[in-house]
N, C-alpha and C. Protein backbone atom coordinates (compact mmCIF):
# COMPACT_ATOMS: atom_id res chain seq x y z
N MET A 1 115.02 129.91 47.68
CA MET A 1 115.16 128.61 47.51
C MET A 1 113.73 127.96 48.01
N ASP A 2 113.07 127.37 46.64
CA ASP A 2 111.68 126.92 46.21
C ASP A 2 111.68 125.29 47.11
N ASN A 3 110.74 125.03 48.05
CA ASN A 3 110.67 124.02 48.78
C ASN A 3 109.65 123.04 48.02
N LEU A 4 110.76 122.34 47.44
CA LEU A 4 109.75 121.23 46.32
C LEU A 4 109.19 120.34 46.39
N LEU A 5 108.22 119.39 45.86
CA LEU A 5 107.35 118.42 46.19
C LEU A 5 106.79 118.56 47.64
N PRO A 6 106.12 119.50 47.71
CA PRO A 6 105.45 120.28 49.16
C PRO A 6 104.73 119.47 49.63
N ASN A 7 104.29 118.06 48.90
CA ASN A 7 103.36 117.16 49.34
C ASN A 7 104.08 115.81 49.71
N LEU A 8 105.33 115.67 49.84
CA LEU A 8 105.85 114.53 49.98
C LEU A 8 106.15 114.35 51.27
N LYS A 9 105.88 113.38 51.90
CA LYS A 9 106.68 113.12 53.49
C LYS A 9 107.04 111.62 53.50
N ILE A 10 108.18 112.02 53.96
CA ILE A 10 109.09 111.04 54.33
C ILE A 10 108.69 110.44 55.85
N LYS A 11 108.61 109.07 55.91
CA LYS A 11 108.22 108.62 56.66
C LYS A 11 109.37 108.17 57.69
N VAL A 12 109.35 108.89 59.24
CA VAL A 12 110.52 108.31 59.85
C VAL A 12 110.13 107.57 61.10
N SER A 13 110.85 106.72 61.93
CA SER A 13 110.05 105.95 62.79
C SER A 13 109.82 106.66 64.21
N ASP A 14 108.85 106.90 64.52
CA ASP A 14 108.41 107.81 65.61
C ASP A 14 109.34 107.03 66.78
N GLY A 15 110.12 106.21 66.89
CA GLY A 15 111.02 106.69 67.99
C GLY A 15 112.22 107.57 68.10
N LEU A 16 112.41 107.86 66.79
CA LEU A 16 113.46 109.04 66.86
C LEU A 16 113.29 110.53 66.69
N TYR A 17 112.26 110.73 67.71
CA TYR A 17 111.77 112.06 68.36
C TYR A 17 110.80 111.37 69.36
N GLN A 18 110.61 113.00 70.15
CA GLN A 18 109.64 113.07 71.27
C GLN A 18 108.58 113.55 70.66
N ILE A 19 108.91 114.36 70.17
CA ILE A 19 107.70 115.51 68.47
C ILE A 19 107.82 115.47 67.41
N ASP A 20 107.13 115.08 66.32
CA ASP A 20 107.32 114.83 65.08
C ASP A 20 107.86 116.42 64.70
N PRO A 21 108.90 116.38 64.41
CA PRO A 21 109.30 117.98 64.03
C PRO A 21 108.87 118.66 62.60
N PHE A 22 107.92 117.37 61.80
CA PHE A 22 107.31 118.51 60.92
C PHE A 22 105.77 118.81 61.56
N SER A 23 105.37 118.34 62.68
CA SER A 23 104.33 118.99 62.70
C SER A 23 103.87 120.53 63.33
N SER A 24 105.57 121.15 63.26
CA SER A 24 105.26 123.19 63.82
C SER A 24 106.24 123.75 63.30
N LYS A 25 105.89 124.82 63.36
CA LYS A 25 106.48 125.64 62.64
C LYS A 25 108.23 125.49 63.58
N LEU A 26 107.80 125.87 64.62
CA LEU A 26 109.64 125.46 65.70
C LEU A 26 110.40 123.96 65.23
N GLY A 27 109.78 122.96 64.90
CA GLY A 27 110.14 121.59 64.49
C GLY A 27 111.00 121.62 63.46
N LYS A 28 110.01 122.38 62.11
CA LYS A 28 110.77 123.02 60.97
C LYS A 28 112.11 123.31 61.20
N THR A 29 111.78 124.46 62.00
CA THR A 29 112.99 125.47 62.01
C THR A 29 114.37 124.29 62.60
N ILE A 30 113.66 123.98 64.02
CA ILE A 30 114.96 122.93 64.14
C ILE A 30 115.82 122.71 63.23
N ILE A 31 114.69 121.42 62.32
CA ILE A 31 115.46 120.73 61.85
C ILE A 31 116.54 121.40 60.15
N PHE A 32 115.66 122.55 60.03
CA PHE A 32 116.65 123.08 58.81
C PHE A 32 117.85 123.46 59.43
N HIS A 33 117.83 124.32 60.53
CA HIS A 33 118.80 125.23 61.15
C HIS A 33 119.81 124.48 61.89
N SER A 34 119.58 122.96 62.09
CA SER A 34 120.37 121.63 62.47
C SER A 34 121.54 121.39 61.64
N VAL A 35 120.74 121.31 59.92
CA VAL A 35 121.06 120.89 59.17
C VAL A 35 122.20 121.85 58.53
N GLU A 36 121.90 122.76 58.72
CA GLU A 36 123.08 124.17 58.62
C GLU A 36 124.03 124.38 59.55
N MET A 37 123.91 124.07 60.79
CA MET A 37 125.43 124.55 61.51
C MET A 37 125.68 122.99 61.63
N ILE A 38 125.11 121.71 61.15
CA ILE A 38 126.50 120.56 61.75
C ILE A 38 126.82 120.70 60.82
N THR A 39 126.96 120.77 58.93
CA THR A 39 126.98 121.36 57.71
C THR A 39 128.63 121.70 58.36
N GLU A 40 128.27 123.00 58.77
CA GLU A 40 129.16 124.48 59.35
C GLU A 40 130.09 124.35 60.36
N LEU A 41 129.60 123.33 61.22
CA LEU A 41 130.41 123.00 62.48
C LEU A 41 131.29 121.73 63.06
N GLY A 42 130.18 120.78 62.07
CA GLY A 42 130.61 119.30 62.51
C GLY A 42 129.56 118.55 63.65
N PHE A 43 129.43 117.71 63.79
CA PHE A 43 128.64 117.15 65.08
C PHE A 43 129.33 117.51 66.30
N GLU A 44 130.46 117.22 66.32
CA GLU A 44 130.88 117.61 68.22
C GLU A 44 130.81 119.02 68.36
N LYS A 45 131.16 119.65 67.72
CA LYS A 45 131.29 121.34 68.07
C LYS A 45 129.29 121.72 68.13
N PHE A 46 128.24 120.53 67.68
CA PHE A 46 127.26 121.35 67.45
C PHE A 46 126.35 121.09 68.89
N THR A 47 125.54 122.14 69.24
CA THR A 47 125.09 121.68 70.76
C THR A 47 123.59 122.70 70.79
N PHE A 48 122.55 121.60 71.04
CA PHE A 48 121.75 122.50 71.78
C PHE A 48 121.20 123.86 72.10
N LYS A 49 122.22 124.49 72.46
CA LYS A 49 122.25 125.34 73.30
C LYS A 49 123.04 126.92 72.03
N LYS A 50 124.14 126.07 71.14
CA LYS A 50 124.12 127.06 69.88
C LYS A 50 122.87 127.04 68.97
N LEU A 51 122.22 125.52 69.07
CA LEU A 51 120.88 125.03 68.29
C LEU A 51 119.66 126.99 68.52
N GLY A 52 119.23 126.42 69.99
CA GLY A 52 118.92 127.46 70.83
C GLY A 52 119.32 128.99 70.45
N ASP A 53 120.38 129.10 70.04
CA ASP A 53 121.34 130.75 70.47
C ASP A 53 120.52 130.76 69.12
N ALA A 54 121.12 129.92 67.91
CA ALA A 54 120.60 130.30 66.59
C ALA A 54 119.35 130.83 66.25
N ILE A 55 118.08 129.81 67.14
CA ILE A 55 116.99 129.74 66.06
C ILE A 55 116.16 131.09 67.57
N GLY A 56 116.93 131.87 68.45
CA GLY A 56 115.94 132.13 69.06
C GLY A 56 114.93 131.62 70.50
N SER A 57 115.59 130.55 70.33
CA SER A 57 114.63 129.54 71.10
C SER A 57 115.38 129.01 72.56
N PRO A 58 114.70 128.90 73.94
CA PRO A 58 115.27 127.67 74.61
C PRO A 58 115.79 126.44 74.76
N GLU A 59 117.05 126.58 74.87
CA GLU A 59 117.30 124.82 74.76
C GLU A 59 116.23 124.26 75.42
N ALA A 60 115.71 124.39 76.25
CA ALA A 60 114.43 122.98 76.98
C ALA A 60 113.92 123.05 75.71
N SER A 61 113.24 124.23 74.71
CA SER A 61 112.58 123.30 73.67
C SER A 61 112.66 122.72 72.53
N ILE A 62 114.12 122.84 72.31
CA ILE A 62 114.73 121.69 71.49
C ILE A 62 114.51 120.36 71.91
N TYR A 63 114.61 120.23 73.36
CA TYR A 63 114.79 118.76 73.96
C TYR A 63 113.32 118.34 73.76
N ARG A 64 112.12 119.06 74.04
CA ARG A 64 110.88 118.43 73.91
C ARG A 64 110.60 117.70 72.60
N TYR A 65 111.48 118.01 71.28
CA TYR A 65 111.48 117.47 70.20
C TYR A 65 112.14 116.34 69.79
N PHE A 66 113.42 116.21 70.41
CA PHE A 66 114.86 115.25 70.63
C PHE A 66 115.26 115.17 71.83
N LYS A 67 115.50 113.90 72.50
CA LYS A 67 116.11 113.79 73.92
C LYS A 67 117.70 113.97 74.07
N SER A 68 118.03 114.21 72.58
CA SER A 68 120.07 114.17 72.33
C SER A 68 120.08 114.53 71.36
N LYS A 69 121.46 115.13 71.05
CA LYS A 69 121.89 115.74 69.74
C LYS A 69 122.36 114.20 69.09
N ASN A 70 122.44 113.42 69.31
CA ASN A 70 122.63 111.51 69.03
C ASN A 70 121.10 111.39 67.96
N GLN A 71 120.19 111.68 68.96
CA GLN A 71 119.07 111.49 68.27
C GLN A 71 118.57 111.92 67.20
N LEU A 72 118.66 113.68 67.39
CA LEU A 72 118.48 113.76 66.48
C LEU A 72 119.63 113.46 64.96
N LEU A 73 120.85 113.24 65.01
CA LEU A 73 121.60 112.94 63.71
C LEU A 73 120.99 111.83 63.45
N CYS A 74 120.27 110.98 64.32
CA CYS A 74 119.59 109.31 63.65
C CYS A 74 118.28 109.80 63.44
N TYR A 75 117.79 110.91 63.36
CA TYR A 75 116.42 111.09 63.02
C TYR A 75 117.20 111.77 61.20
N LEU A 76 117.88 112.56 61.28
CA LEU A 76 118.42 113.10 59.88
C LEU A 76 119.18 112.21 58.99
N ILE A 77 119.49 111.25 59.39
CA ILE A 77 120.26 110.57 58.62
C ILE A 77 119.35 109.33 58.42
N SER A 78 117.98 109.16 59.20
CA SER A 78 117.03 107.90 58.83
C SER A 78 115.99 108.65 57.67
N TRP A 79 115.91 110.46 57.49
CA TRP A 79 114.99 110.68 56.88
C TRP A 79 115.71 110.68 55.12
N TYR A 80 117.14 110.74 55.40
CA TYR A 80 118.03 110.90 54.21
C TYR A 80 117.66 109.63 53.35
N TRP A 81 117.82 108.42 54.27
CA TRP A 81 117.56 107.27 53.46
C TRP A 81 116.17 107.18 53.17
N GLY A 82 115.20 107.76 53.78
CA GLY A 82 113.59 107.40 53.57
C GLY A 82 113.97 108.25 51.96
N TRP A 83 114.38 109.63 52.12
CA TRP A 83 114.39 110.44 50.61
C TRP A 83 114.79 109.79 49.54
N MET A 84 115.67 108.78 49.55
CA MET A 84 116.86 108.11 48.79
C MET A 84 115.79 106.99 48.31
N GLU A 85 114.92 106.52 48.99
CA GLU A 85 114.56 105.03 48.42
C GLU A 85 113.40 105.93 48.04
N CYS A 86 112.89 106.87 47.87
CA CYS A 86 112.12 107.75 47.46
C CYS A 86 112.37 108.17 45.90
N ARG A 87 113.82 108.79 45.58
CA ARG A 87 114.50 109.15 44.54
C ARG A 87 114.81 107.85 43.51
N LEU A 88 115.26 106.57 44.59
CA LEU A 88 114.88 105.25 43.12
C LEU A 88 113.88 105.18 43.04
N ILE A 89 112.95 105.10 43.68
CA ILE A 89 111.56 104.11 43.34
C ILE A 89 111.45 105.05 42.11
N LEU A 90 111.26 106.27 41.48
CA LEU A 90 111.28 107.50 40.80
C LEU A 90 112.70 107.46 39.59
N GLU A 91 113.68 106.93 39.80
CA GLU A 91 114.76 106.91 38.83
C GLU A 91 114.44 106.00 38.17
N ILE A 92 114.37 104.65 38.92
CA ILE A 92 114.06 103.01 38.41
C ILE A 92 113.15 102.51 38.00
N ALA A 93 112.11 103.44 38.40
CA ALA A 93 110.79 103.03 37.84
C ALA A 93 110.23 102.03 36.25
N ASN A 94 110.95 103.35 35.34
CA ASN A 94 110.29 102.52 33.95
C ASN A 94 111.94 101.74 32.80
N ILE A 95 112.36 101.41 33.93
CA ILE A 95 114.11 100.68 33.53
C ILE A 95 114.15 99.41 33.83
N SER A 96 113.48 97.98 32.36
CA SER A 96 113.33 96.48 32.16
C SER A 96 114.87 96.20 32.89
N SER A 97 115.82 96.50 32.50
CA SER A 97 117.50 95.70 32.41
C SER A 97 117.41 95.73 34.28
N PRO A 98 117.77 94.80 34.92
CA PRO A 98 117.83 95.17 36.73
C PRO A 98 119.57 95.45 36.54
N ILE A 99 120.88 95.13 35.46
CA ILE A 99 121.67 95.53 35.38
C ILE A 99 121.69 97.25 35.02
N VAL A 100 121.00 97.69 34.57
CA VAL A 100 121.15 99.27 34.07
C VAL A 100 120.51 99.83 35.75
N ARG A 101 119.50 99.09 36.54
CA ARG A 101 118.72 99.71 37.76
C ARG A 101 119.51 99.38 39.01
N LEU A 102 120.64 98.64 38.74
CA LEU A 102 121.72 98.71 39.86
C LEU A 102 122.76 99.50 39.53
N GLU A 103 123.15 99.41 38.28
CA GLU A 103 124.09 101.05 38.53
C GLU A 103 123.42 102.40 38.41
N LYS A 104 122.21 102.62 38.22
CA LYS A 104 121.49 103.54 38.81
C LYS A 104 121.83 103.95 40.49
N SER A 105 121.05 102.43 40.62
CA SER A 105 120.74 102.53 42.20
C SER A 105 122.53 103.09 42.94
N ILE A 106 123.70 102.25 42.49
CA ILE A 106 124.96 102.76 42.91
C ILE A 106 124.98 104.47 42.86
N ALA A 107 125.22 104.96 41.72
CA ALA A 107 125.12 106.45 40.83
C ALA A 107 124.17 107.07 41.87
N LEU A 108 123.13 106.78 42.51
CA LEU A 108 122.46 107.67 42.65
C LEU A 108 122.59 107.79 44.60
N VAL A 109 123.46 106.64 45.03
CA VAL A 109 123.95 107.48 46.16
C VAL A 109 124.94 107.85 46.29
N LEU A 110 125.95 108.01 45.22
CA LEU A 110 126.84 109.43 45.00
C LEU A 110 126.38 110.44 44.65
N SER A 111 125.66 110.41 44.14
CA SER A 111 124.91 111.82 43.43
C SER A 111 125.07 112.76 43.98
N ASN A 112 125.57 114.23 44.02
CA ASN A 112 125.80 115.24 44.40
C ASN A 112 124.10 116.23 44.38
N ALA A 113 123.37 116.26 44.85
CA ALA A 113 122.45 116.80 45.21
C ALA A 113 122.21 118.12 44.33
N ASN A 114 121.27 118.88 43.45
CA ASN A 114 120.84 120.19 43.74
C ASN A 114 121.22 121.05 44.58
N GLU A 115 122.15 122.19 44.59
CA GLU A 115 121.95 122.83 45.81
C GLU A 115 120.76 123.70 46.40
N ASN A 116 120.01 123.70 45.33
CA ASN A 116 118.85 124.71 45.46
C ASN A 116 117.70 123.48 45.70
N LEU A 117 117.54 122.41 46.00
CA LEU A 117 116.88 121.23 46.41
C LEU A 117 116.26 121.41 47.94
N LEU A 118 115.52 122.36 48.03
CA LEU A 118 114.81 121.89 49.63
C LEU A 118 113.40 120.85 49.91
N ILE A 119 113.60 120.20 50.20
CA ILE A 119 112.51 119.12 50.93
C ILE A 119 112.05 118.96 52.33
N GLU A 120 110.74 119.62 52.46
CA GLU A 120 110.23 119.20 53.86
C GLU A 120 111.00 120.19 54.58
N ASP A 121 111.60 121.73 54.18
CA ASP A 121 112.06 122.31 55.02
C ASP A 121 113.69 121.78 54.96
N VAL A 122 114.18 120.53 54.24
CA VAL A 122 115.58 119.86 54.40
C VAL A 122 115.94 120.64 53.11
N GLU A 123 117.66 120.98 53.33
CA GLU A 123 118.06 121.17 52.36
C GLU A 123 118.94 119.90 51.94
N ILE A 124 118.86 119.58 50.53
CA ILE A 124 119.27 118.13 50.15
C ILE A 124 120.87 118.19 50.36
N TYR A 125 121.38 119.61 49.16
CA TYR A 125 122.72 118.78 49.38
C TYR A 125 123.81 118.80 50.68
N LYS A 126 123.19 120.24 51.49
CA LYS A 126 123.76 120.17 52.61
C LYS A 126 123.40 118.76 53.37
N LEU A 127 122.64 118.57 53.63
CA LEU A 127 122.25 116.71 54.18
C LEU A 127 123.39 116.14 54.12
N HIS A 128 123.29 115.73 52.21
CA HIS A 128 124.38 115.27 51.83
C HIS A 128 125.75 115.25 52.45
N GLN A 129 126.35 116.36 52.21
CA GLN A 129 127.16 116.54 53.40
C GLN A 129 127.08 115.39 54.53
N ILE A 130 126.40 116.01 55.62
CA ILE A 130 126.48 115.33 56.69
C ILE A 130 126.51 113.70 56.79
N ILE A 131 125.56 113.18 55.31
CA ILE A 131 125.70 111.75 55.26
C ILE A 131 127.13 111.44 55.33
N ILE A 132 127.94 112.21 54.00
CA ILE A 132 129.28 111.82 54.10
C ILE A 132 130.55 111.68 55.11
N SER A 133 129.89 112.62 56.48
CA SER A 133 131.26 113.09 56.89
C SER A 133 130.31 112.57 58.53
N GLU A 134 129.39 112.51 58.39
CA GLU A 134 129.05 112.21 60.05
C GLU A 134 128.14 111.03 59.99
N SER A 135 127.69 110.63 59.47
CA SER A 135 126.61 109.39 59.52
C SER A 135 127.10 108.22 60.05
N ILE A 136 128.28 107.82 60.37
CA ILE A 136 129.04 106.84 60.75
C ILE A 136 129.14 106.77 61.80
N LYS A 137 128.88 107.59 62.27
CA LYS A 137 128.99 108.10 64.07
C LYS A 137 127.36 107.58 64.89
N THR A 138 126.70 107.29 63.80
CA THR A 138 125.10 106.49 64.20
C THR A 138 125.53 105.27 64.25
N TYR A 139 126.94 104.67 63.69
CA TYR A 139 126.85 103.12 64.53
C TYR A 139 128.01 103.15 65.06
N LEU A 140 129.04 104.21 65.08
CA LEU A 140 130.08 103.67 65.87
C LEU A 140 129.72 104.68 67.53
N ASN A 141 129.14 103.83 68.28
CA ASN A 141 128.58 104.51 69.69
C ASN A 141 128.30 103.29 70.36
N LYS A 142 128.48 103.63 71.20
CA LYS A 142 127.80 102.49 72.38
C LYS A 142 126.35 102.17 72.49
N ASP A 143 125.53 103.41 71.88
CA ASP A 143 124.20 103.14 72.03
C ASP A 143 123.80 102.91 70.84
N VAL A 144 124.21 102.08 69.88
CA VAL A 144 123.77 101.77 68.56
C VAL A 144 122.69 101.11 69.15
N ASP A 145 123.03 100.02 69.70
CA ASP A 145 121.64 98.98 69.97
C ASP A 145 120.44 99.55 70.07
N LEU A 146 120.52 100.81 70.99
CA LEU A 146 119.34 101.06 71.27
C LEU A 146 118.38 102.20 69.93
N SER A 147 119.91 102.94 69.39
CA SER A 147 119.34 103.20 68.22
C SER A 147 118.90 102.81 67.49
N ASN A 148 119.26 101.80 67.32
CA ASN A 148 118.46 100.15 66.35
C ASN A 148 117.37 100.03 66.87
N LYS A 149 116.88 99.70 67.91
CA LYS A 149 115.69 99.52 68.41
C LYS A 149 114.41 100.51 67.88
N GLU A 150 114.64 101.82 68.02
CA GLU A 150 113.97 103.15 68.06
C GLU A 150 113.64 103.09 66.71
N GLY A 151 114.25 102.60 66.15
CA GLY A 151 114.81 102.58 64.27
C GLY A 151 115.26 103.60 63.53
N ALA A 152 116.09 103.47 63.95
CA ALA A 152 116.82 104.60 63.30
C ALA A 152 117.87 104.17 61.96
N PHE A 153 118.16 102.67 61.67
CA PHE A 153 118.45 102.44 60.69
C PHE A 153 117.31 101.76 60.18
N LEU A 154 116.00 101.87 59.96
CA LEU A 154 114.92 101.26 59.14
C LEU A 154 115.10 101.93 57.94
N ASN A 155 115.18 102.90 57.66
CA ASN A 155 115.22 103.23 56.40
C ASN A 155 116.23 103.03 55.31
N TYR A 156 117.25 102.54 56.14
CA TYR A 156 118.73 102.70 55.22
C TYR A 156 118.46 100.94 55.10
N LYS A 157 117.80 100.20 55.99
CA LYS A 157 117.84 98.53 55.69
C LYS A 157 116.87 98.43 54.85
N GLN A 158 115.40 99.58 54.45
CA GLN A 158 114.79 99.33 53.80
C GLN A 158 115.61 99.58 52.07
N PHE A 159 115.82 100.70 52.24
CA PHE A 159 116.98 100.87 51.05
C PHE A 159 117.66 99.74 50.22
N VAL A 160 118.41 98.99 51.24
CA VAL A 160 119.72 97.89 50.81
C VAL A 160 118.91 96.85 50.34
N GLU A 161 117.75 96.88 51.44
CA GLU A 161 116.52 95.49 50.45
C GLU A 161 115.89 95.47 49.23
N ARG A 162 115.45 97.00 49.32
CA ARG A 162 115.19 97.32 47.53
C ARG A 162 116.50 96.77 46.54
N VAL A 163 117.40 97.48 46.87
CA VAL A 163 118.65 97.16 45.68
C VAL A 163 119.05 95.66 45.92
N SER A 164 118.97 94.89 47.21
CA SER A 164 119.41 93.37 46.75
C SER A 164 118.35 92.94 46.44
N LYS A 165 117.09 93.05 45.83
CA LYS A 165 116.18 92.70 45.10
C LYS A 165 117.05 92.47 43.70
N ILE A 166 117.68 93.76 43.48
CA ILE A 166 118.08 93.54 41.95
C ILE A 166 119.53 92.62 41.80
N ILE A 167 119.99 93.03 43.05
CA ILE A 167 121.14 91.86 42.64
C ILE A 167 120.37 90.81 42.26
N ASN A 168 119.42 89.89 43.38
CA ASN A 168 119.16 88.63 43.02
C ASN A 168 118.69 88.63 41.73
N GLU A 169 117.85 89.79 41.26
CA GLU A 169 116.90 89.51 39.52
C GLU A 169 118.39 89.12 38.82
N ILE A 170 119.93 89.44 39.27
CA ILE A 170 120.85 89.29 37.97
C ILE A 170 121.40 88.04 38.08
N ASN A 171 121.48 88.18 39.20
CA ASN A 171 122.19 86.81 39.90
C ASN A 171 121.87 86.04 41.08
N PRO A 172 120.67 85.09 40.65
CA PRO A 172 120.07 84.44 42.12
C PRO A 172 121.12 83.79 42.89
N LYS A 173 122.04 83.31 42.17
CA LYS A 173 122.70 82.38 43.14
C LYS A 173 123.96 83.28 44.16
N TYR A 174 123.49 84.62 43.98
CA TYR A 174 125.25 85.34 44.74
C TYR A 174 124.36 85.29 46.26
N LYS A 175 125.36 85.21 46.94
CA LYS A 175 125.14 84.77 48.68
C LYS A 175 125.17 86.26 49.61
N TYR A 176 125.84 87.14 48.68
CA TYR A 176 126.14 88.21 49.39
C TYR A 176 125.59 89.83 49.66
N PRO A 177 124.23 89.74 48.94
CA PRO A 177 123.94 91.14 48.27
C PRO A 177 123.73 92.28 49.30
N GLN A 178 123.74 91.87 50.54
CA GLN A 178 123.67 93.23 51.19
C GLN A 178 124.83 93.18 51.97
N MET A 179 125.64 92.62 52.10
CA MET A 179 126.74 93.07 52.33
C MET A 179 127.95 93.80 51.43
N LEU A 180 127.36 93.27 50.31
CA LEU A 180 128.08 93.91 48.91
C LEU A 180 127.53 95.10 49.18
N LEU A 181 126.60 95.66 49.09
CA LEU A 181 125.77 96.57 49.04
C LEU A 181 126.00 98.10 50.05
N THR A 182 125.91 97.37 51.04
CA THR A 182 126.78 98.09 52.32
C THR A 182 128.06 98.41 52.51
N THR A 183 128.94 97.57 51.26
CA THR A 183 130.01 98.15 51.52
C THR A 183 130.44 98.68 50.42
N ILE A 184 129.56 99.00 49.40
CA ILE A 184 129.86 99.93 48.43
C ILE A 184 129.37 101.32 48.97
N PHE A 185 128.02 101.15 49.40
CA PHE A 185 128.03 102.80 50.22
C PHE A 185 128.46 102.99 50.87
N GLU A 186 128.79 102.18 52.28
CA GLU A 186 129.55 102.86 53.02
C GLU A 186 131.36 103.62 52.34
N GLY A 187 131.70 102.19 51.83
CA GLY A 187 132.97 102.62 51.04
C GLY A 187 132.29 104.30 50.43
N ALA A 188 131.79 104.01 49.59
CA ALA A 188 131.72 105.14 48.53
C ALA A 188 131.70 106.70 49.64
N HIS A 189 131.16 106.79 50.76
CA HIS A 189 130.91 107.53 51.35
C HIS A 189 132.25 108.14 51.80
N LEU A 190 133.11 107.15 52.14
CA LEU A 190 134.15 107.44 52.91
C LEU A 190 135.61 107.98 51.67
N GLN A 191 135.40 107.35 50.77
CA GLN A 191 135.98 108.08 49.44
C GLN A 191 135.81 109.18 49.13
N VAL A 192 134.90 109.63 49.30
CA VAL A 192 134.26 110.66 48.69
C VAL A 192 134.98 112.13 49.67
N PHE A 193 134.91 111.72 51.15
CA PHE A 193 135.78 112.04 52.22
C PHE A 193 137.07 111.89 52.63
N PHE A 194 137.98 110.95 51.78
CA PHE A 194 138.96 110.41 52.13
C PHE A 194 140.13 112.03 51.08
N GLY A 195 138.68 111.98 49.46
CA GLY A 195 138.64 112.78 48.16
C GLY A 195 139.59 113.82 48.97
N GLU A 196 138.73 114.46 49.72
CA GLU A 196 138.40 115.70 49.99
C GLU A 196 139.30 116.10 51.25
N HIS A 197 139.86 115.32 52.13
CA HIS A 197 140.88 115.85 53.05
C HIS A 197 141.54 114.22 53.13
N LEU A 198 141.97 113.47 52.84
CA LEU A 198 143.17 112.49 52.79
C LEU A 198 143.57 111.62 51.66
N PRO A 199 143.54 112.10 50.73
CA PRO A 199 143.89 112.10 49.19
C PRO A 199 144.93 110.68 49.15
N ARG A 200 146.09 110.68 50.00
CA ARG A 200 146.78 109.36 50.07
C ARG A 200 146.02 108.54 50.05
N LEU A 201 144.87 108.06 50.30
CA LEU A 201 144.11 106.77 51.11
C LEU A 201 142.71 106.66 49.83
N THR A 202 143.24 107.48 48.96
CA THR A 202 142.36 106.87 47.78
C THR A 202 142.97 107.01 46.26
N ASN A 203 142.14 107.33 45.29
CA ASN A 203 143.02 107.23 44.16
C ASN A 203 142.21 108.36 43.32
N LYS A 204 142.18 109.68 43.49
CA LYS A 204 141.35 110.85 43.29
C LYS A 204 141.60 111.24 41.64
N GLN A 205 140.75 111.32 40.89
CA GLN A 205 141.05 111.02 39.22
C GLN A 205 140.56 112.63 39.56
N ASN A 206 140.34 112.92 38.04
CA ASN A 206 139.67 114.24 37.28
C ASN A 206 138.16 114.25 37.29
N SER A 207 138.08 113.04 36.47
CA SER A 207 136.86 112.56 36.25
C SER A 207 135.76 112.70 37.45
N PRO A 208 134.51 113.61 37.82
CA PRO A 208 133.54 113.78 38.52
C PRO A 208 133.34 111.76 39.28
N ASP A 209 133.19 111.39 38.00
CA ASP A 209 132.24 109.84 38.72
C ASP A 209 133.51 108.83 38.48
N TYR A 210 134.68 109.25 39.05
CA TYR A 210 135.54 108.07 39.37
C TYR A 210 135.22 106.95 40.26
N ILE A 211 134.43 107.35 41.35
CA ILE A 211 134.14 106.17 42.68
C ILE A 211 132.98 105.60 42.01
N THR A 212 132.01 106.63 41.76
CA THR A 212 131.28 105.63 40.72
C THR A 212 131.21 104.48 40.05
N ASN A 213 132.53 104.76 39.13
CA ASN A 213 132.73 103.64 38.19
C ASN A 213 133.47 102.98 38.91
N PHE A 214 134.22 102.53 39.90
CA PHE A 214 134.78 101.89 40.66
C PHE A 214 133.96 101.14 41.45
N TYR A 215 132.78 101.85 41.96
CA TYR A 215 131.55 100.80 42.70
C TYR A 215 130.90 100.27 41.93
N ILE A 216 130.45 100.52 40.65
CA ILE A 216 129.59 99.88 39.72
C ILE A 216 130.58 98.41 39.44
N ASN A 217 131.95 98.94 38.72
CA ASN A 217 133.10 98.00 38.49
C ASN A 217 133.05 96.76 39.33
N LEU A 218 133.26 97.43 40.77
CA LEU A 218 133.30 96.16 41.85
C LEU A 218 131.62 95.23 41.82
N ALA A 219 130.78 95.98 41.84
CA ALA A 219 129.51 95.39 42.21
C ALA A 219 129.43 94.09 40.68
N HIS A 220 129.92 94.64 39.64
CA HIS A 220 130.07 93.51 38.34
C HIS A 220 130.96 92.51 38.79
N GLN A 221 132.24 92.71 38.77
CA GLN A 221 132.65 91.41 39.02
C GLN A 221 132.51 90.62 40.02
N SER A 222 131.79 91.27 41.20
CA SER A 222 131.50 90.20 42.17
C SER A 222 130.48 89.96 42.30
N ILE A 223 129.50 90.04 41.82
CA ILE A 223 128.14 89.52 41.66
C ILE A 223 128.39 88.36 40.44
N ASN A 224 129.04 88.52 39.13
CA ASN A 224 129.37 87.43 38.38
C ASN A 224 130.20 87.14 38.04
N GLY A 225 131.15 86.82 39.48
CA GLY A 225 132.55 86.24 39.24
C GLY A 225 133.23 86.50 38.54
């Protein structure tokens, strides 16, 4: 697996780590194997002890980089949305139509990244799976306000803000761009999860784009009345 775009640096709030994990070989190893293990085990069963055993490093060395596994998860989620904003900028750079830019933005959130894509030692495909199944846990916990102060959701907010400006181009009078977008993004991830595990809670179809098409249609109906 090749490490693509080696000079790309995704900015993550420095409140989400003790030591920048991409500043050392050990830190990069922690990130790479964390993504591997959370994908395989699930966040609840993932521990720093198991991670330390997997990488052959004392558990204490991991705590030098992250104060808890929740902070590590917040870091991964924030990194993902920073990467998504980079992708979004590239995807819509030369598109004049705001309608097409909005559709591409929604489709991007649901895109299943190439399995072989490696950015900054992060396997994008596996991180995408973590976003679908684990990201909601960064909100639904008693430490959410502290995580917010530490910058856990800054990259997500910036992504939503960037797309909300596209909605404002389409209909400047529309009152709920952020609300619509977070409904679409969070709902889309849940629908993917339901399709895989709880199909009676969704309307799974043979088309791989059925969730994307549903939310694009929802966006158009909401924005245009």
